[in-house]
Amino acid sequence: MKPSRKERSLDRPQPTRYTKPNILIFCEGKNTEPSYFRHFKLQSATIKVDGDKGNTIGLVRKALKEIDQYDQVWCVFDKDDFSEKNFNDAISLAKSKGVKVAYSNQAFEYWLILHLEDHQGGGFDRSGYNHKINELLRPFGVEYEDKQKFVSDDFFDVLDGIDGATKVRRVDLAIRRAKKIYDAWNHQSPAREESSTTVFELVETLLKHC
């Protein structure tokens, strides 16, 4: 008599449901930052970008109200003319509560400049940012308008394009340059670390999902 075979289970394993992580980006600015981040086309995550949401401490407090609804919440804001305490406290509050910060000292446009020029920190007042950007964009026939401050498709294509001299994608150059600047500071007072930006951390996150 043959031994009986073990009965097969009729219960099939349930397929694993993959949920894309969702990322919320709260921007201080109304035009430049939202228009820039909305150009990123994510494949393995979803992204929501809200602009004109306040500044520094106020922006972080608004983000805290949304933190339970998203896998990652980012605040994007600038030093501008805010006091050292206001700026530093906003960064500290965000980090203590699990909100990520992409700050720029003095302004977000410094991050854009790093795609096109290896400006290694040091004083660079934001009043000269727009002129510098347009000077660097001139060979490409692209303009960054001073009034609208909008990152157009053509402008973003330049930022995401390949640098002719290094044959490296410009966004990768910007990340490399921003990291080098960031690592040169001790971060005891980000408000005094001019010029610097941590936008590269957010962009690295987004690029992982593109």
N, C-alpha and C. Protein backbone atom coordinates (compact mmCIF):
# COMPACT_ATOMS: atom_id res chain seq x y z
N MET A 1 0.86 -1.20 0.00
CA MET A 1 0.00 0.00 0.00
C MET A 1 0.89 1.24 0.00
N LYS A 2 0.61 2.11 -0.95
CA LYS A 2 1.43 3.31 -1.06
C LYS A 2 1.09 4.30 0.05
N PRO A 3 2.11 4.96 0.57
CA PRO A 3 1.83 5.98 1.60
C PRO A 3 1.01 7.11 1.02
N SER A 4 0.08 7.60 1.80
CA SER A 4 -0.78 8.68 1.30
C SER A 4 0.02 9.96 1.16
N ARG A 5 -0.29 10.66 0.08
CA ARG A 5 0.39 11.93 -0.13
C ARG A 5 -0.20 13.01 0.79
N LYS A 6 0.66 13.89 1.19
CA LYS A 6 0.21 14.99 2.03
C LYS A 6 -0.71 15.89 1.23
N GLU A 7 -1.87 16.16 1.79
CA GLU A 7 -2.85 16.98 1.07
C GLU A 7 -2.30 18.40 0.87
N ARG A 8 -2.53 18.88 -0.34
CA ARG A 8 -2.10 20.24 -0.64
C ARG A 8 -3.07 21.26 -0.03
N SER A 9 -2.52 22.30 0.46
CA SER A 9 -3.37 23.36 1.00
C SER A 9 -4.03 24.11 -0.14
N LEU A 10 -5.31 24.34 0.03
CA LEU A 10 -6.07 25.08 -0.99
C LEU A 10 -5.94 26.59 -0.81
N ASP A 11 -5.30 26.99 0.29
CA ASP A 11 -5.13 28.43 0.54
C ASP A 11 -3.94 28.95 -0.25
N ARG A 12 -4.22 29.87 -1.15
CA ARG A 12 -3.15 30.46 -1.94
C ARG A 12 -2.56 31.66 -1.20
N PRO A 13 -1.24 31.82 -1.31
CA PRO A 13 -0.64 33.00 -0.66
C PRO A 13 -1.19 34.27 -1.28
N GLN A 14 -1.47 35.22 -0.42
CA GLN A 14 -2.00 36.49 -0.88
C GLN A 14 -0.89 37.34 -1.50
N PRO A 15 -1.18 37.94 -2.65
CA PRO A 15 -0.15 38.80 -3.26
C PRO A 15 0.17 39.99 -2.38
N THR A 16 1.44 40.35 -2.38
CA THR A 16 1.86 41.50 -1.59
C THR A 16 1.51 42.79 -2.32
N ARG A 17 0.81 43.65 -1.64
CA ARG A 17 0.41 44.92 -2.24
C ARG A 17 1.49 45.96 -1.97
N TYR A 18 2.03 46.51 -3.04
CA TYR A 18 3.08 47.53 -2.90
C TYR A 18 2.45 48.91 -2.98
N THR A 19 2.65 49.66 -1.96
CA THR A 19 2.13 51.03 -1.93
C THR A 19 3.28 52.01 -2.11
N LYS A 20 3.16 52.87 -3.07
CA LYS A 20 4.20 53.87 -3.29
C LYS A 20 4.27 54.82 -2.10
N PRO A 21 5.47 55.13 -1.64
CA PRO A 21 5.59 56.13 -0.58
C PRO A 21 5.12 57.49 -1.10
N ASN A 22 4.49 58.25 -0.22
CA ASN A 22 4.02 59.57 -0.63
C ASN A 22 4.84 60.65 0.08
N ILE A 23 5.21 61.64 -0.69
CA ILE A 23 6.10 62.70 -0.22
C ILE A 23 5.40 64.05 -0.35
N LEU A 24 5.39 64.81 0.73
CA LEU A 24 4.82 66.16 0.73
C LEU A 24 5.94 67.17 0.84
N ILE A 25 5.91 68.17 -0.03
CA ILE A 25 6.90 69.24 0.02
C ILE A 25 6.18 70.56 0.24
N PHE A 26 6.42 71.17 1.38
CA PHE A 26 5.86 72.48 1.71
C PHE A 26 6.91 73.54 1.37
N CYS A 27 6.57 74.45 0.49
CA CYS A 27 7.53 75.47 0.06
C CYS A 27 7.13 76.84 0.59
N GLU A 28 8.14 77.56 1.02
CA GLU A 28 7.93 78.95 1.43
C GLU A 28 7.56 79.80 0.23
N GLY A 29 8.25 79.58 -0.88
CA GLY A 29 8.03 80.39 -2.07
C GLY A 29 6.78 80.00 -2.82
N LYS A 30 6.28 80.94 -3.59
CA LYS A 30 5.05 80.72 -4.36
C LYS A 30 5.33 80.19 -5.76
N ASN A 31 6.44 80.60 -6.37
CA ASN A 31 6.70 80.26 -7.76
C ASN A 31 7.93 79.39 -7.98
N THR A 32 9.09 79.89 -7.59
CA THR A 32 10.34 79.22 -7.97
C THR A 32 10.41 77.78 -7.48
N GLU A 33 10.29 77.59 -6.17
CA GLU A 33 10.45 76.25 -5.62
C GLU A 33 9.38 75.27 -6.12
N PRO A 34 8.09 75.63 -6.04
CA PRO A 34 7.08 74.68 -6.55
C PRO A 34 7.26 74.35 -8.02
N SER A 35 7.56 75.35 -8.84
CA SER A 35 7.73 75.09 -10.27
C SER A 35 8.93 74.20 -10.54
N TYR A 36 9.94 74.31 -9.72
CA TYR A 36 11.12 73.46 -9.86
C TYR A 36 10.79 72.01 -9.49
N PHE A 37 10.23 71.79 -8.31
CA PHE A 37 10.01 70.43 -7.83
C PHE A 37 8.93 69.70 -8.63
N ARG A 38 8.01 70.43 -9.21
CA ARG A 38 6.96 69.78 -10.00
C ARG A 38 7.48 69.22 -11.32
N HIS A 39 8.68 69.55 -11.67
CA HIS A 39 9.28 68.99 -12.89
C HIS A 39 9.75 67.54 -12.67
N PHE A 40 9.92 67.14 -11.43
CA PHE A 40 10.39 65.78 -11.16
C PHE A 40 9.26 64.79 -11.38
N LYS A 41 9.48 63.84 -12.26
CA LYS A 41 8.47 62.83 -12.58
C LYS A 41 8.85 61.54 -11.86
N LEU A 42 8.19 61.29 -10.75
CA LEU A 42 8.53 60.14 -9.92
C LEU A 42 7.81 58.89 -10.41
N GLN A 43 8.55 57.79 -10.44
CA GLN A 43 7.99 56.51 -10.87
C GLN A 43 7.60 55.62 -9.69
N SER A 44 8.39 55.64 -8.63
CA SER A 44 8.17 54.73 -7.51
C SER A 44 7.71 55.45 -6.24
N ALA A 45 7.22 56.67 -6.38
CA ALA A 45 6.68 57.41 -5.25
C ALA A 45 5.71 58.46 -5.80
N THR A 46 4.87 58.98 -4.94
CA THR A 46 3.99 60.08 -5.32
C THR A 46 4.46 61.33 -4.61
N ILE A 47 4.24 62.46 -5.24
CA ILE A 47 4.73 63.72 -4.70
C ILE A 47 3.63 64.78 -4.75
N LYS A 48 3.54 65.55 -3.69
CA LYS A 48 2.63 66.69 -3.65
C LYS A 48 3.45 67.90 -3.26
N VAL A 49 3.34 68.96 -4.04
CA VAL A 49 4.11 70.18 -3.78
C VAL A 49 3.14 71.32 -3.51
N ASP A 50 3.25 71.93 -2.35
CA ASP A 50 2.43 73.07 -1.97
C ASP A 50 3.32 74.29 -1.79
N GLY A 51 2.99 75.39 -2.48
CA GLY A 51 3.78 76.61 -2.37
C GLY A 51 3.07 77.70 -1.62
N ASP A 52 3.83 78.71 -1.25
CA ASP A 52 3.30 79.88 -0.54
C ASP A 52 2.63 79.48 0.76
N LYS A 53 3.28 78.61 1.53
CA LYS A 53 2.70 78.06 2.74
C LYS A 53 3.19 78.74 4.01
N GLY A 54 3.89 79.86 3.89
CA GLY A 54 4.41 80.53 5.07
C GLY A 54 5.92 80.50 5.08
N ASN A 55 6.52 80.83 6.21
CA ASN A 55 7.97 80.87 6.28
C ASN A 55 8.49 80.32 7.60
N THR A 56 9.67 79.82 7.56
CA THR A 56 10.43 79.29 8.70
C THR A 56 9.53 78.57 9.73
N ILE A 57 9.40 79.12 10.93
CA ILE A 57 8.66 78.46 12.01
C ILE A 57 7.22 78.17 11.60
N GLY A 58 6.56 79.15 10.98
CA GLY A 58 5.18 78.97 10.56
C GLY A 58 5.02 77.86 9.56
N LEU A 59 5.96 77.75 8.64
CA LEU A 59 5.94 76.69 7.63
C LEU A 59 6.09 75.32 8.29
N VAL A 60 7.00 75.22 9.23
CA VAL A 60 7.22 73.94 9.92
C VAL A 60 5.98 73.54 10.71
N ARG A 61 5.36 74.48 11.36
CA ARG A 61 4.16 74.16 12.15
C ARG A 61 3.02 73.65 11.27
N LYS A 62 2.89 74.22 10.09
CA LYS A 62 1.87 73.74 9.16
C LYS A 62 2.19 72.33 8.70
N ALA A 63 3.48 72.08 8.45
CA ALA A 63 3.90 70.75 8.01
C ALA A 63 3.63 69.70 9.08
N LEU A 64 3.79 70.08 10.33
CA LEU A 64 3.57 69.13 11.42
C LEU A 64 2.13 68.63 11.46
N LYS A 65 1.21 69.44 10.99
CA LYS A 65 -0.19 69.03 10.97
C LYS A 65 -0.46 67.95 9.92
N GLU A 66 0.47 67.81 8.97
CA GLU A 66 0.29 66.86 7.87
C GLU A 66 1.19 65.62 8.01
N ILE A 67 2.03 65.60 9.02
CA ILE A 67 3.09 64.59 9.07
C ILE A 67 2.55 63.17 9.14
N ASP A 68 1.39 62.97 9.75
CA ASP A 68 0.84 61.62 9.87
C ASP A 68 0.22 61.12 8.57
N GLN A 69 0.06 62.00 7.60
CA GLN A 69 -0.60 61.63 6.35
C GLN A 69 0.38 61.24 5.25
N TYR A 70 1.67 61.43 5.49
CA TYR A 70 2.68 61.20 4.45
C TYR A 70 3.85 60.40 5.00
N ASP A 71 4.53 59.73 4.09
CA ASP A 71 5.72 58.99 4.48
C ASP A 71 6.90 59.91 4.73
N GLN A 72 6.97 61.00 3.97
CA GLN A 72 7.99 62.02 4.18
C GLN A 72 7.35 63.40 4.03
N VAL A 73 7.71 64.29 4.92
CA VAL A 73 7.27 65.68 4.82
C VAL A 73 8.52 66.56 4.83
N TRP A 74 8.62 67.41 3.82
CA TRP A 74 9.77 68.32 3.68
C TRP A 74 9.31 69.77 3.76
N CYS A 75 10.13 70.60 4.36
CA CYS A 75 9.93 72.05 4.35
C CYS A 75 11.09 72.68 3.58
N VAL A 76 10.75 73.56 2.65
CA VAL A 76 11.74 74.25 1.84
C VAL A 76 11.64 75.74 2.13
N PHE A 77 12.66 76.29 2.76
CA PHE A 77 12.62 77.73 3.07
C PHE A 77 14.02 78.32 3.07
N ASP A 78 14.06 79.65 3.08
CA ASP A 78 15.32 80.39 2.94
C ASP A 78 15.64 81.19 4.20
N LYS A 79 16.90 81.57 4.31
CA LYS A 79 17.32 82.45 5.39
C LYS A 79 16.79 83.86 5.16
N ASP A 80 16.93 84.37 3.93
CA ASP A 80 16.47 85.72 3.60
C ASP A 80 16.88 86.71 4.69
N ASP A 81 15.94 87.52 5.16
CA ASP A 81 16.23 88.51 6.20
C ASP A 81 15.75 88.07 7.58
N PHE A 82 15.36 86.82 7.72
CA PHE A 82 14.89 86.35 9.01
C PHE A 82 16.05 86.32 10.01
N SER A 83 15.71 86.48 11.27
CA SER A 83 16.74 86.49 12.31
C SER A 83 17.40 85.12 12.41
N GLU A 84 18.61 85.12 12.94
CA GLU A 84 19.33 83.87 13.13
C GLU A 84 18.51 82.90 13.98
N LYS A 85 17.92 83.42 15.05
CA LYS A 85 17.15 82.57 15.96
C LYS A 85 15.95 81.95 15.25
N ASN A 86 15.23 82.76 14.50
CA ASN A 86 14.05 82.28 13.80
C ASN A 86 14.41 81.15 12.84
N PHE A 87 15.45 81.37 12.06
CA PHE A 87 15.89 80.39 11.06
C PHE A 87 16.38 79.11 11.72
N ASN A 88 17.26 79.25 12.71
CA ASN A 88 17.82 78.08 13.38
C ASN A 88 16.76 77.31 14.15
N ASP A 89 15.85 78.04 14.79
CA ASP A 89 14.79 77.37 15.57
C ASP A 89 13.86 76.57 14.66
N ALA A 90 13.60 77.09 13.47
CA ALA A 90 12.73 76.38 12.53
C ALA A 90 13.37 75.05 12.13
N ILE A 91 14.67 75.07 11.87
CA ILE A 91 15.39 73.85 11.50
C ILE A 91 15.38 72.86 12.65
N SER A 92 15.65 73.35 13.86
CA SER A 92 15.69 72.47 15.04
C SER A 92 14.32 71.86 15.32
N LEU A 93 13.26 72.67 15.23
CA LEU A 93 11.91 72.17 15.47
C LEU A 93 11.55 71.08 14.48
N ALA A 94 11.83 71.33 13.20
CA ALA A 94 11.51 70.35 12.17
C ALA A 94 12.22 69.02 12.43
N LYS A 95 13.50 69.08 12.68
CA LYS A 95 14.27 67.86 12.88
C LYS A 95 13.82 67.10 14.12
N SER A 96 13.44 67.82 15.16
CA SER A 96 13.01 67.16 16.41
C SER A 96 11.67 66.45 16.25
N LYS A 97 10.89 66.84 15.25
CA LYS A 97 9.56 66.28 15.04
C LYS A 97 9.48 65.35 13.83
N GLY A 98 10.60 65.13 13.16
CA GLY A 98 10.61 64.21 12.03
C GLY A 98 10.29 64.84 10.69
N VAL A 99 10.25 66.17 10.64
CA VAL A 99 10.06 66.87 9.37
C VAL A 99 11.43 67.15 8.78
N LYS A 100 11.60 66.87 7.52
CA LYS A 100 12.88 67.10 6.86
C LYS A 100 12.93 68.52 6.31
N VAL A 101 14.13 69.09 6.27
CA VAL A 101 14.29 70.49 5.87
C VAL A 101 15.29 70.60 4.71
N ALA A 102 14.86 71.34 3.69
CA ALA A 102 15.76 71.70 2.59
C ALA A 102 15.87 73.22 2.62
N TYR A 103 16.86 73.72 3.34
CA TYR A 103 16.99 75.16 3.50
C TYR A 103 18.10 75.71 2.62
N SER A 104 18.04 77.01 2.40
CA SER A 104 19.10 77.69 1.65
C SER A 104 19.46 78.99 2.36
N ASN A 105 20.74 79.24 2.41
CA ASN A 105 21.25 80.47 2.98
C ASN A 105 22.15 81.15 1.94
N GLN A 106 21.65 82.18 1.24
CA GLN A 106 20.49 82.95 1.59
C GLN A 106 19.18 82.50 0.94
N ALA A 107 19.18 82.07 -0.30
CA ALA A 107 17.92 81.77 -0.97
C ALA A 107 18.05 80.57 -1.90
N PHE A 108 16.89 80.04 -2.29
CA PHE A 108 16.80 78.82 -3.10
C PHE A 108 17.58 78.94 -4.41
N GLU A 109 17.63 80.13 -4.98
CA GLU A 109 18.33 80.31 -6.25
C GLU A 109 19.80 79.92 -6.18
N TYR A 110 20.36 79.92 -4.97
CA TYR A 110 21.75 79.49 -4.85
C TYR A 110 21.90 78.04 -5.30
N TRP A 111 20.89 77.22 -5.00
CA TRP A 111 20.90 75.82 -5.45
C TRP A 111 20.91 75.76 -6.97
N LEU A 112 20.15 76.62 -7.62
CA LEU A 112 20.10 76.63 -9.08
C LEU A 112 21.45 77.04 -9.67
N ILE A 113 22.08 78.00 -9.04
CA ILE A 113 23.38 78.47 -9.51
C ILE A 113 24.41 77.34 -9.48
N LEU A 114 24.35 76.49 -8.47
CA LEU A 114 25.33 75.42 -8.33
C LEU A 114 25.27 74.41 -9.47
N HIS A 115 24.18 74.39 -10.22
CA HIS A 115 24.12 73.53 -11.41
C HIS A 115 25.04 74.04 -12.52
N LEU A 116 25.28 75.34 -12.49
CA LEU A 116 25.95 76.00 -13.62
C LEU A 116 27.31 76.58 -13.27
N GLU A 117 27.58 76.69 -11.98
CA GLU A 117 28.85 77.28 -11.55
C GLU A 117 29.28 76.66 -10.23
N ASP A 118 30.57 76.41 -10.10
CA ASP A 118 31.10 75.81 -8.87
C ASP A 118 31.42 76.92 -7.88
N HIS A 119 30.37 77.52 -7.33
CA HIS A 119 30.53 78.58 -6.34
C HIS A 119 30.66 77.93 -4.97
N GLN A 120 31.85 77.90 -4.43
CA GLN A 120 32.10 77.17 -3.20
C GLN A 120 31.91 78.02 -1.96
N GLY A 121 30.65 78.38 -1.71
CA GLY A 121 30.32 79.06 -0.47
C GLY A 121 30.83 80.49 -0.43
N GLY A 122 30.87 81.04 0.78
CA GLY A 122 31.28 82.43 0.93
C GLY A 122 30.12 83.38 0.69
N GLY A 123 30.28 84.60 1.12
CA GLY A 123 29.22 85.59 0.99
C GLY A 123 28.78 85.79 -0.46
N PHE A 124 27.48 85.71 -0.67
CA PHE A 124 26.91 85.92 -2.01
C PHE A 124 25.48 86.38 -1.78
N ASP A 125 25.29 87.69 -1.71
CA ASP A 125 23.98 88.23 -1.38
C ASP A 125 22.95 87.87 -2.44
N ARG A 126 21.74 87.53 -1.98
CA ARG A 126 20.69 87.06 -2.89
C ARG A 126 20.26 88.12 -3.89
N SER A 127 20.59 89.39 -3.63
CA SER A 127 20.23 90.44 -4.59
C SER A 127 20.93 90.25 -5.93
N GLY A 128 22.01 89.46 -5.93
CA GLY A 128 22.73 89.23 -7.17
C GLY A 128 22.44 87.88 -7.82
N TYR A 129 21.55 87.09 -7.19
CA TYR A 129 21.28 85.74 -7.69
C TYR A 129 20.68 85.75 -9.10
N ASN A 130 19.63 86.55 -9.30
CA ASN A 130 18.93 86.52 -10.58
C ASN A 130 19.84 86.93 -11.74
N HIS A 131 20.63 87.96 -11.50
CA HIS A 131 21.57 88.42 -12.53
C HIS A 131 22.58 87.31 -12.85
N LYS A 132 23.09 86.67 -11.82
CA LYS A 132 24.06 85.59 -12.02
C LYS A 132 23.43 84.43 -12.79
N ILE A 133 22.20 84.05 -12.44
CA ILE A 133 21.53 82.95 -13.13
C ILE A 133 21.37 83.27 -14.61
N ASN A 134 20.90 84.45 -14.92
CA ASN A 134 20.70 84.82 -16.33
C ASN A 134 22.01 84.94 -17.09
N GLU A 135 23.04 85.34 -16.40
CA GLU A 135 24.37 85.39 -17.02
C GLU A 135 24.82 83.99 -17.40
N LEU A 136 24.56 83.02 -16.51
CA LEU A 136 24.96 81.64 -16.77
C LEU A 136 24.05 80.96 -17.78
N LEU A 137 22.81 81.43 -17.89
CA LEU A 137 21.86 80.83 -18.83
C LEU A 137 21.97 81.39 -20.25
N ARG A 138 22.64 82.51 -20.39
CA ARG A 138 22.69 83.19 -21.68
C ARG A 138 23.15 82.27 -22.82
N PRO A 139 24.18 81.45 -22.63
CA PRO A 139 24.62 80.59 -23.75
C PRO A 139 23.56 79.59 -24.21
N PHE A 140 22.56 79.34 -23.37
CA PHE A 140 21.52 78.36 -23.70
C PHE A 140 20.27 79.02 -24.29
N GLY A 141 20.27 80.36 -24.35
CA GLY A 141 19.11 81.06 -24.88
C GLY A 141 17.90 80.95 -23.98
N VAL A 142 18.13 80.80 -22.68
CA VAL A 142 17.05 80.65 -21.70
C VAL A 142 17.13 81.79 -20.70
N GLU A 143 15.98 82.21 -20.19
CA GLU A 143 15.96 83.32 -19.25
C GLU A 143 15.17 82.95 -18.01
N TYR A 144 15.66 83.42 -16.86
CA TYR A 144 14.96 83.30 -15.60
C TYR A 144 14.40 84.67 -15.28
N GLU A 145 13.10 84.83 -15.37
CA GLU A 145 12.48 86.14 -15.23
C GLU A 145 12.50 86.60 -13.78
N ASP A 146 12.93 87.84 -13.60
CA ASP A 146 13.06 88.38 -12.26
C ASP A 146 11.73 88.51 -11.53
N LYS A 147 10.68 88.88 -12.26
CA LYS A 147 9.40 89.13 -11.61
C LYS A 147 8.63 87.85 -11.31
N GLN A 148 8.50 86.97 -12.31
CA GLN A 148 7.73 85.76 -12.11
C GLN A 148 8.50 84.70 -11.32
N LYS A 149 9.80 84.68 -11.49
CA LYS A 149 10.65 83.71 -10.79
C LYS A 149 10.09 82.29 -10.95
N PHE A 150 9.97 81.88 -12.18
CA PHE A 150 9.36 80.59 -12.51
C PHE A 150 10.39 79.73 -13.24
N VAL A 151 10.54 78.49 -12.82
CA VAL A 151 11.45 77.57 -13.49
C VAL A 151 10.69 76.93 -14.65
N SER A 152 10.96 77.43 -15.84
CA SER A 152 10.27 76.96 -17.04
C SER A 152 10.78 75.58 -17.45
N ASP A 153 10.10 74.98 -18.43
CA ASP A 153 10.56 73.69 -18.96
C ASP A 153 11.97 73.80 -19.53
N ASP A 154 12.22 74.88 -20.28
CA ASP A 154 13.54 75.08 -20.88
C ASP A 154 14.62 75.26 -19.82
N PHE A 155 14.29 76.00 -18.78
CA PHE A 155 15.24 76.23 -17.69
C PHE A 155 15.55 74.90 -17.00
N PHE A 156 14.51 74.11 -16.70
CA PHE A 156 14.73 72.84 -16.02
C PHE A 156 15.54 71.89 -16.90
N ASP A 157 15.30 71.92 -18.20
CA ASP A 157 16.05 71.05 -19.11
C ASP A 157 17.54 71.36 -19.06
N VAL A 158 17.87 72.64 -18.91
CA VAL A 158 19.28 73.03 -18.77
C VAL A 158 19.85 72.47 -17.46
N LEU A 159 19.09 72.63 -16.37
CA LEU A 159 19.55 72.16 -15.07
C LEU A 159 19.74 70.65 -15.05
N ASP A 160 18.91 69.94 -15.78
CA ASP A 160 18.94 68.48 -15.81
C ASP A 160 19.82 67.93 -16.93
N GLY A 161 20.37 68.82 -17.73
CA GLY A 161 21.17 68.40 -18.88
C GLY A 161 22.58 68.01 -18.53
N ILE A 162 23.36 67.69 -19.54
CA ILE A 162 24.75 67.26 -19.37
C ILE A 162 25.69 68.45 -19.52
N ASP A 163 26.58 68.61 -18.57
CA ASP A 163 27.58 69.66 -18.64
C ASP A 163 28.61 69.33 -19.72
N GLY A 164 28.85 70.28 -20.60
CA GLY A 164 29.73 70.03 -21.73
C GLY A 164 31.17 69.75 -21.34
N ALA A 165 31.65 70.40 -20.31
CA ALA A 165 33.06 70.25 -19.92
C ALA A 165 33.32 68.95 -19.17
N THR A 166 32.42 68.58 -18.26
CA THR A 166 32.66 67.41 -17.42
C THR A 166 31.95 66.15 -17.91
N LYS A 167 30.96 66.34 -18.81
CA LYS A 167 30.13 65.23 -19.30
C LYS A 167 29.33 64.58 -18.17
N VAL A 168 29.05 65.35 -17.15
CA VAL A 168 28.27 64.91 -16.00
C VAL A 168 26.95 65.67 -15.99
N ARG A 169 25.89 65.02 -15.57
CA ARG A 169 24.60 65.70 -15.50
C ARG A 169 24.70 66.86 -14.50
N ARG A 170 24.15 67.99 -14.86
CA ARG A 170 24.33 69.20 -14.04
C ARG A 170 23.73 69.05 -12.64
N VAL A 171 22.62 68.33 -12.53
CA VAL A 171 22.05 68.14 -11.20
C VAL A 171 23.00 67.34 -10.31
N ASP A 172 23.74 66.42 -10.89
CA ASP A 172 24.72 65.66 -10.11
C ASP A 172 25.90 66.54 -9.71
N LEU A 173 26.27 67.45 -10.58
CA LEU A 173 27.31 68.42 -10.23
C LEU A 173 26.85 69.32 -9.08
N ALA A 174 25.59 69.76 -9.14
CA ALA A 174 25.05 70.62 -8.09
C ALA A 174 25.04 69.89 -6.75
N ILE A 175 24.65 68.63 -6.76
CA ILE A 175 24.64 67.84 -5.53
C ILE A 175 26.06 67.72 -4.97
N ARG A 176 27.00 67.43 -5.84
CA ARG A 176 28.40 67.27 -5.42
C ARG A 176 28.92 68.58 -4.82
N ARG A 177 28.64 69.68 -5.47
CA ARG A 177 29.12 70.98 -4.99
C ARG A 177 28.46 71.38 -3.69
N ALA A 178 27.14 71.18 -3.60
CA ALA A 178 26.41 71.54 -2.38
C ALA A 178 26.88 70.71 -1.19
N LYS A 179 27.15 69.44 -1.41
CA LYS A 179 27.64 68.57 -0.34
C LYS A 179 29.00 69.05 0.17
N LYS A 180 29.86 69.42 -0.76
CA LYS A 180 31.19 69.87 -0.37
C LYS A 180 31.11 71.12 0.50
N ILE A 181 30.23 72.03 0.11
CA ILE A 181 30.03 73.25 0.90
C ILE A 181 29.46 72.91 2.27
N TYR A 182 28.43 72.07 2.27
CA TYR A 182 27.76 71.71 3.52
C TYR A 182 28.73 71.05 4.50
N ASP A 183 29.57 70.17 4.00
CA ASP A 183 30.50 69.44 4.85
C ASP A 183 31.60 70.34 5.43
N ALA A 184 31.76 71.51 4.88
CA ALA A 184 32.80 72.43 5.36
C ALA A 184 32.35 73.19 6.62
N TRP A 185 31.04 73.12 6.96
CA TRP A 185 30.50 73.83 8.12
C TRP A 185 30.25 72.85 9.26
N ASN A 186 30.12 73.41 10.48
CA ASN A 186 29.85 72.54 11.64
C ASN A 186 28.38 72.49 12.00
N HIS A 187 27.55 73.34 11.39
CA HIS A 187 26.09 73.33 11.53
C HIS A 187 25.59 73.70 12.93
N GLN A 188 26.44 74.35 13.71
CA GLN A 188 25.98 74.83 15.00
C GLN A 188 24.99 75.99 14.84
N SER A 189 25.17 76.73 13.75
CA SER A 189 24.25 77.82 13.44
C SER A 189 24.11 77.93 11.92
N PRO A 190 23.15 77.20 11.33
CA PRO A 190 22.96 77.27 9.88
C PRO A 190 22.74 78.68 9.36
N ALA A 191 22.21 79.55 10.20
CA ALA A 191 21.96 80.93 9.79
C ALA A 191 23.24 81.68 9.46
N ARG A 192 24.37 81.21 9.97
CA ARG A 192 25.64 81.87 9.71
C ARG A 192 26.44 81.18 8.60
N GLU A 193 25.87 80.13 8.01
CA GLU A 193 26.59 79.35 7.01
C GLU A 193 26.25 79.81 5.60
N GLU A 194 26.71 81.01 5.30
CA GLU A 194 26.46 81.60 3.97
C GLU A 194 27.74 81.48 3.12
N SER A 195 27.59 80.99 1.91
CA SER A 195 26.38 80.51 1.24
C SER A 195 26.34 78.99 1.32
N SER A 196 25.15 78.43 1.57
CA SER A 196 25.02 76.98 1.64
C SER A 196 23.57 76.60 1.40
N THR A 197 23.36 75.32 1.13
CA THR A 197 22.00 74.83 0.90
C THR A 197 21.95 73.33 1.17
N THR A 198 20.82 72.86 1.69
CA THR A 198 20.60 71.43 1.87
C THR A 198 19.52 70.91 0.92
N VAL A 199 19.21 71.67 -0.09
CA VAL A 199 18.23 71.22 -1.09
C VAL A 199 18.71 69.94 -1.76
N PHE A 200 20.01 69.74 -1.80
CA PHE A 200 20.55 68.53 -2.43
C PHE A 200 20.01 67.27 -1.76
N GLU A 201 19.71 67.32 -0.47
CA GLU A 201 19.20 66.14 0.23
C GLU A 201 17.81 65.77 -0.27
N LEU A 202 16.98 66.76 -0.49
CA LEU A 202 15.65 66.51 -1.04
C LEU A 202 15.73 66.02 -2.48
N VAL A 203 16.58 66.64 -3.26
CA VAL A 203 16.72 66.24 -4.67
C VAL A 203 17.25 64.81 -4.78
N GLU A 204 18.20 64.44 -3.94
CA GLU A 204 18.68 63.06 -3.94
C GLU A 204 17.55 62.08 -3.66
N THR A 205 16.68 62.44 -2.73
CA THR A 205 15.53 61.59 -2.42
C THR A 205 14.62 61.44 -3.62
N LEU A 206 14.34 62.55 -4.29
CA LEU A 206 13.44 62.51 -5.45
C LEU A 206 14.04 61.71 -6.59
N LEU A 207 15.32 61.87 -6.82
CA LEU A 207 15.98 61.17 -7.93
C LEU A 207 15.96 59.66 -7.73
N LYS A 208 15.93 59.20 -6.50
CA LYS A 208 15.85 57.76 -6.24
C LYS A 208 14.54 57.16 -6.73
N HIS A 209 13.53 58.02 -6.85
CA HIS A 209 12.20 57.54 -7.25
C HIS A 209 11.85 57.89 -8.70
N CYS A 210 12.79 58.50 -9.42
CA CYS A 210 12.52 58.90 -10.80
C CYS A 210 12.73 57.71 -11.77
